[in-house]
Amino acid sequence: MLSAKMEDYLKAIYRLERDGEPPVATSAIAETLEVTPPTATSMIEKLADRGLVEREKYKGVTLTPDGETVALEVIRHHRLLETFLTEELGYDWSEVHEEAEILEHHISEEFERRVAAALDDPEVDPHGDPIPSDTLDPIEDIPASALADHGEGTRLLVARVRDRDPEELTYLDGVGVRPGVELVVQEVAPIGMVTVRLDSGETVSLPDHIAGAIQVRSPEDAADEVSEV
């Protein structure tokens, strides 16, 4: 049986692989998990001994198929739990990440199946991140880009929002910016502020660092995908 720390490492490596190109540097893993490089190296050796990662000296690590399956299972647990906490227990979306980080390691497969069934097998979590299927196939990323990268006059659909900062999420919830909301970029100011108009008619000014946390896509692309289903 794997420890919670081992699962955290596999999940971190999976995310780093998707953000860049494997192999993943040990220093990047250490930074992500806020540990020292020697501590990360020690854990990587344990994971390699279990056949969950492949280690290339001086280059980094890559998940094996078994390691990827474990990472996907933990991510599925996490995102289902976030959805359950918000939809069934009344948690705010700014509160659920830390709760799910703890619970994801300790639920049974039967509990997971019941949660998924109770939620009608959701495809995304409250922040818009895709939930791996019960077959644990690799996640198909929704093509999206940062709101901060778009120019004035562009109509966009909020696809997902970074879930690591509760204060950012509380702010965005307060101004009505959530996955599924359409908006138009009104102004990109040189002082580091992006102003958008929501479909509700409200105008919202977002600091650059918050605009960078919002992933958006074309509403037309989203509509095309729905029609193809």
Protein backbone atom coordinates (compact mmCIF):
# COMPACT_ATOMS: atom_id res chain seq x y z
CA MET A 1 0.00 0.00 0.00
CA LEU A 2 1.29 3.45 -0.89
CA SER A 3 1.60 6.23 1.67
CA ALA A 4 -0.15 9.58 1.23
CA LYS A 5 3.25 11.17 0.59
CA MET A 6 4.01 8.74 -2.22
CA GLU A 7 0.66 9.51 -3.82
CA ASP A 8 1.36 13.24 -3.49
CA TYR A 9 4.66 12.79 -5.34
CA LEU A 10 3.02 10.84 -8.16
CA LYS A 11 0.28 13.45 -8.49
CA ALA A 12 2.84 16.26 -8.55
CA ILE A 13 4.94 14.50 -11.21
CA TYR A 14 1.83 13.92 -13.33
CA ARG A 15 0.94 17.61 -13.24
CA LEU A 16 4.50 18.69 -13.97
CA GLU A 17 4.66 16.30 -16.94
CA ARG A 18 1.48 17.85 -18.35
CA ASP A 19 2.74 21.39 -17.81
CA GLY A 20 6.00 20.67 -19.59
CA GLU A 21 7.90 17.83 -21.20
CA PRO A 22 9.05 14.76 -19.27
CA PRO A 23 11.39 13.86 -17.73
CA VAL A 24 10.61 16.12 -14.77
CA ALA A 25 13.56 17.61 -12.91
CA THR A 26 13.97 16.65 -9.26
CA SER A 27 14.32 20.34 -8.39
CA ALA A 28 10.88 21.05 -9.89
CA ILE A 29 9.32 18.26 -7.83
CA ALA A 30 11.01 19.54 -4.68
CA GLU A 31 9.80 23.09 -5.33
CA THR A 32 6.23 21.95 -6.03
CA LEU A 33 6.02 19.89 -2.85
CA GLU A 34 8.04 22.39 -0.78
CA VAL A 35 10.72 19.91 0.25
CA THR A 36 14.49 19.86 -0.14
CA PRO A 37 16.02 18.27 -3.27
CA PRO A 38 17.66 15.47 -1.19
CA THR A 39 14.25 14.66 0.34
CA ALA A 40 12.69 14.53 -3.14
CA THR A 41 15.54 12.34 -4.42
CA SER A 42 15.03 9.87 -1.57
CA MET A 43 11.31 9.52 -2.29
CA ILE A 44 11.90 9.20 -6.04
CA GLU A 45 14.24 6.28 -5.36
CA LYS A 46 11.48 4.57 -3.36
CA LEU A 47 8.97 5.13 -6.15
CA ALA A 48 11.44 3.80 -8.71
CA ASP A 49 11.96 0.66 -6.61
CA ARG A 50 8.19 0.09 -6.76
CA GLY A 51 8.12 0.52 -10.55
CA LEU A 52 6.09 3.73 -10.41
CA VAL A 53 8.66 6.07 -11.97
CA GLU A 54 11.64 5.75 -14.25
CA ARG A 55 14.67 7.79 -13.24
CA GLU A 56 17.22 9.16 -15.70
CA LYS A 57 20.37 10.34 -13.97
CA TYR A 58 20.99 14.09 -14.40
CA LYS A 59 17.72 14.42 -16.35
CA GLY A 60 14.77 13.65 -14.10
CA VAL A 61 11.87 11.23 -13.74
CA THR A 62 8.96 9.98 -15.79
CA LEU A 63 5.87 8.17 -14.56
CA THR A 64 5.50 4.55 -15.60
CA PRO A 65 2.03 3.40 -16.71
CA ASP A 66 1.43 2.08 -13.17
CA GLY A 67 2.54 5.37 -11.67
CA GLU A 68 0.27 7.34 -14.00
CA THR A 69 -2.70 5.17 -13.03
CA VAL A 70 -2.11 5.89 -9.34
CA ALA A 71 -1.79 9.62 -10.03
CA LEU A 72 -5.03 9.67 -12.03
CA GLU A 73 -6.87 7.81 -9.29
CA VAL A 74 -5.76 10.33 -6.66
CA ILE A 75 -6.72 13.23 -8.93
CA ARG A 76 -10.14 11.63 -9.54
CA HIS A 77 -10.66 11.29 -5.79
CA HIS A 78 -9.60 14.89 -5.24
CA ARG A 79 -11.85 16.45 -7.86
CA LEU A 80 -14.87 14.31 -7.01
CA LEU A 81 -14.45 15.28 -3.36
CA GLU A 82 -14.24 18.98 -4.24
CA THR A 83 -17.46 18.65 -6.22
CA PHE A 84 -19.22 16.68 -3.46
CA LEU A 85 -18.17 19.18 -0.80
CA THR A 86 -19.54 22.13 -2.76
CA GLU A 87 -22.70 20.58 -4.17
CA GLU A 88 -23.79 18.36 -1.29
CA LEU A 89 -22.25 19.83 1.87
CA GLY A 90 -22.46 23.54 1.10
CA TYR A 91 -18.73 24.30 1.13
CA ASP A 92 -17.54 27.41 -0.67
CA TRP A 93 -15.31 26.63 -3.67
CA SER A 94 -12.47 28.47 -1.92
CA GLU A 95 -12.54 25.96 0.95
CA VAL A 96 -12.57 22.61 -0.80
CA HIS A 97 -9.01 22.22 -2.11
CA GLU A 98 -7.38 21.78 1.29
CA GLU A 99 -10.14 19.45 2.50
CA ALA A 100 -9.82 17.29 -0.61
CA GLU A 101 -6.01 17.21 -0.25
CA ILE A 102 -6.51 15.40 3.08
CA LEU A 103 -9.44 13.15 2.17
CA GLU A 104 -8.24 12.02 -1.28
CA HIS A 105 -5.86 9.44 0.22
CA HIS A 106 -8.38 7.78 2.50
CA ILE A 107 -11.59 7.01 0.61
CA SER A 108 -12.46 3.51 -0.60
CA GLU A 109 -13.30 2.67 -4.20
CA GLU A 110 -16.88 1.94 -3.11
CA PHE A 111 -17.17 5.39 -1.57
CA GLU A 112 -15.73 6.90 -4.75
CA ARG A 113 -18.34 5.08 -6.88
CA ARG A 114 -21.18 6.24 -4.62
CA VAL A 115 -20.00 9.85 -4.67
CA ALA A 116 -19.72 9.79 -8.47
CA ALA A 117 -23.21 8.28 -8.77
CA ALA A 118 -24.71 10.80 -6.33
CA LEU A 119 -23.22 13.62 -8.44
CA ASP A 120 -24.37 12.02 -11.73
CA ASP A 121 -20.76 11.41 -12.85
CA PRO A 122 -19.59 15.02 -13.27
CA GLU A 123 -17.01 15.78 -15.95
CA VAL A 124 -15.41 18.80 -14.23
CA ASP A 125 -14.90 19.97 -10.66
CA PRO A 126 -16.08 23.35 -9.27
CA HIS A 127 -12.97 25.08 -10.62
CA GLY A 128 -13.47 23.68 -14.14
CA ASP A 129 -10.72 21.05 -13.98
CA PRO A 130 -11.59 17.79 -15.77
CA ILE A 131 -12.30 14.77 -13.56
CA PRO A 132 -10.60 11.54 -14.73
CA SER A 133 -13.09 8.82 -15.72
CA ASP A 134 -13.58 5.69 -13.63
CA THR A 135 -11.44 3.81 -16.17
CA LEU A 136 -8.57 6.21 -15.32
CA ASP A 137 -7.79 7.06 -18.93
CA PRO A 138 -5.37 9.98 -19.39
CA ILE A 139 -7.11 13.33 -19.00
CA GLU A 140 -7.98 15.12 -22.21
CA ASP A 141 -7.18 18.75 -21.52
CA ILE A 142 -9.72 21.36 -22.57
CA PRO A 143 -7.82 23.81 -24.81
CA ALA A 144 -7.68 27.09 -22.91
CA SER A 145 -5.41 30.07 -22.35
CA ALA A 146 -4.94 32.75 -19.70
CA LEU A 147 -7.40 35.64 -19.70
CA ALA A 148 -4.44 38.00 -19.32
CA ASP A 149 -3.21 36.96 -22.79
CA HIS A 150 -6.27 38.28 -24.67
CA GLY A 151 -6.84 41.69 -26.21
CA GLU A 152 -9.64 44.19 -25.99
CA GLY A 153 -12.97 43.28 -27.61
CA THR A 154 -12.47 39.50 -27.33
CA ARG A 155 -15.51 37.48 -26.20
CA LEU A 156 -14.48 34.54 -24.04
CA LEU A 157 -15.87 31.72 -21.92
CA VAL A 158 -14.32 31.01 -18.51
CA ALA A 159 -13.12 27.39 -18.68
CA ARG A 160 -11.39 26.96 -15.34
CA VAL A 161 -9.86 28.86 -12.45
CA ARG A 162 -6.69 28.08 -10.52
CA ASP A 163 -7.70 26.54 -7.20
CA ARG A 164 -4.60 27.06 -5.05
CA ASP A 165 -5.37 30.48 -3.57
CA PRO A 166 -8.54 30.74 -1.44
CA GLU A 167 -8.37 34.56 -1.46
CA GLU A 168 -8.36 34.63 -5.28
CA LEU A 169 -11.34 32.29 -5.40
CA THR A 170 -13.28 34.31 -2.84
CA TYR A 171 -12.61 37.49 -4.82
CA LEU A 172 -13.66 35.92 -8.14
CA ASP A 173 -16.81 34.44 -6.63
CA GLY A 174 -17.71 37.85 -5.24
CA VAL A 175 -17.47 39.51 -8.67
CA GLY A 176 -19.26 36.66 -10.48
CA VAL A 177 -16.36 35.11 -12.40
CA ARG A 178 -16.72 31.31 -12.44
CA PRO A 179 -16.39 28.50 -15.02
CA GLY A 180 -19.19 28.76 -17.59
CA VAL A 181 -19.47 32.56 -17.42
CA GLU A 182 -19.04 34.52 -20.67
CA LEU A 183 -17.26 37.85 -20.70
CA VAL A 184 -15.79 40.45 -23.05
CA VAL A 185 -12.37 42.03 -22.52
CA GLN A 186 -13.01 45.77 -22.38
CA GLU A 187 -9.61 47.17 -21.49
CA VAL A 188 -6.08 45.94 -20.86
CA ALA A 189 -4.42 48.72 -18.90
CA PRO A 190 -0.63 49.20 -18.78
CA ILE A 191 -0.87 49.48 -14.98
CA GLY A 192 -1.56 45.74 -14.73
CA MET A 193 -5.35 45.63 -14.77
CA VAL A 194 -7.73 43.75 -17.09
CA THR A 195 -11.30 45.06 -17.24
CA VAL A 196 -14.05 42.72 -18.46
CA ARG A 197 -17.80 43.00 -18.97
CA LEU A 198 -19.83 40.00 -17.84
CA ASP A 199 -23.00 38.86 -19.60
CA SER A 200 -24.87 40.15 -16.55
CA GLY A 201 -23.81 43.62 -17.68
CA GLU A 202 -21.47 44.12 -14.73
CA THR A 203 -17.98 45.49 -15.37
CA VAL A 204 -15.14 43.98 -13.34
CA SER A 205 -11.50 45.08 -13.11
CA LEU A 206 -9.07 42.26 -12.39
CA PRO A 207 -5.43 42.65 -11.32
CA ASP A 208 -2.97 40.91 -13.65
CA HIS A 209 -2.15 38.13 -11.17
CA ILE A 210 -5.83 37.22 -10.86
CA ALA A 211 -6.46 37.48 -14.61
CA GLY A 212 -3.55 35.06 -15.02
CA ALA A 213 -5.35 32.53 -12.79
CA ILE A 214 -8.37 32.43 -15.13
CA GLN A 215 -8.28 30.05 -18.11
CA VAL A 216 -10.60 30.95 -20.98
CA ARG A 217 -11.62 29.69 -24.40
CA SER A 218 -13.77 30.72 -27.34
CA PRO A 219 -17.52 30.26 -26.70
CA GLU A 220 -17.85 28.98 -30.29
CA ASP A 221 -15.30 26.21 -29.67
CA ALA A 222 -17.17 25.13 -26.55
CA ALA A 223 -20.48 25.08 -28.43
CA ASP A 224 -18.95 23.01 -31.23
CA GLU A 225 -17.76 20.39 -28.73
CA VAL A 226 -21.21 20.14 -27.17
CA SER A 227 -22.84 19.66 -30.59
CA GLU A 228 -20.41 16.84 -31.40
CA VAL A 229 -21.36 14.83 -28.31
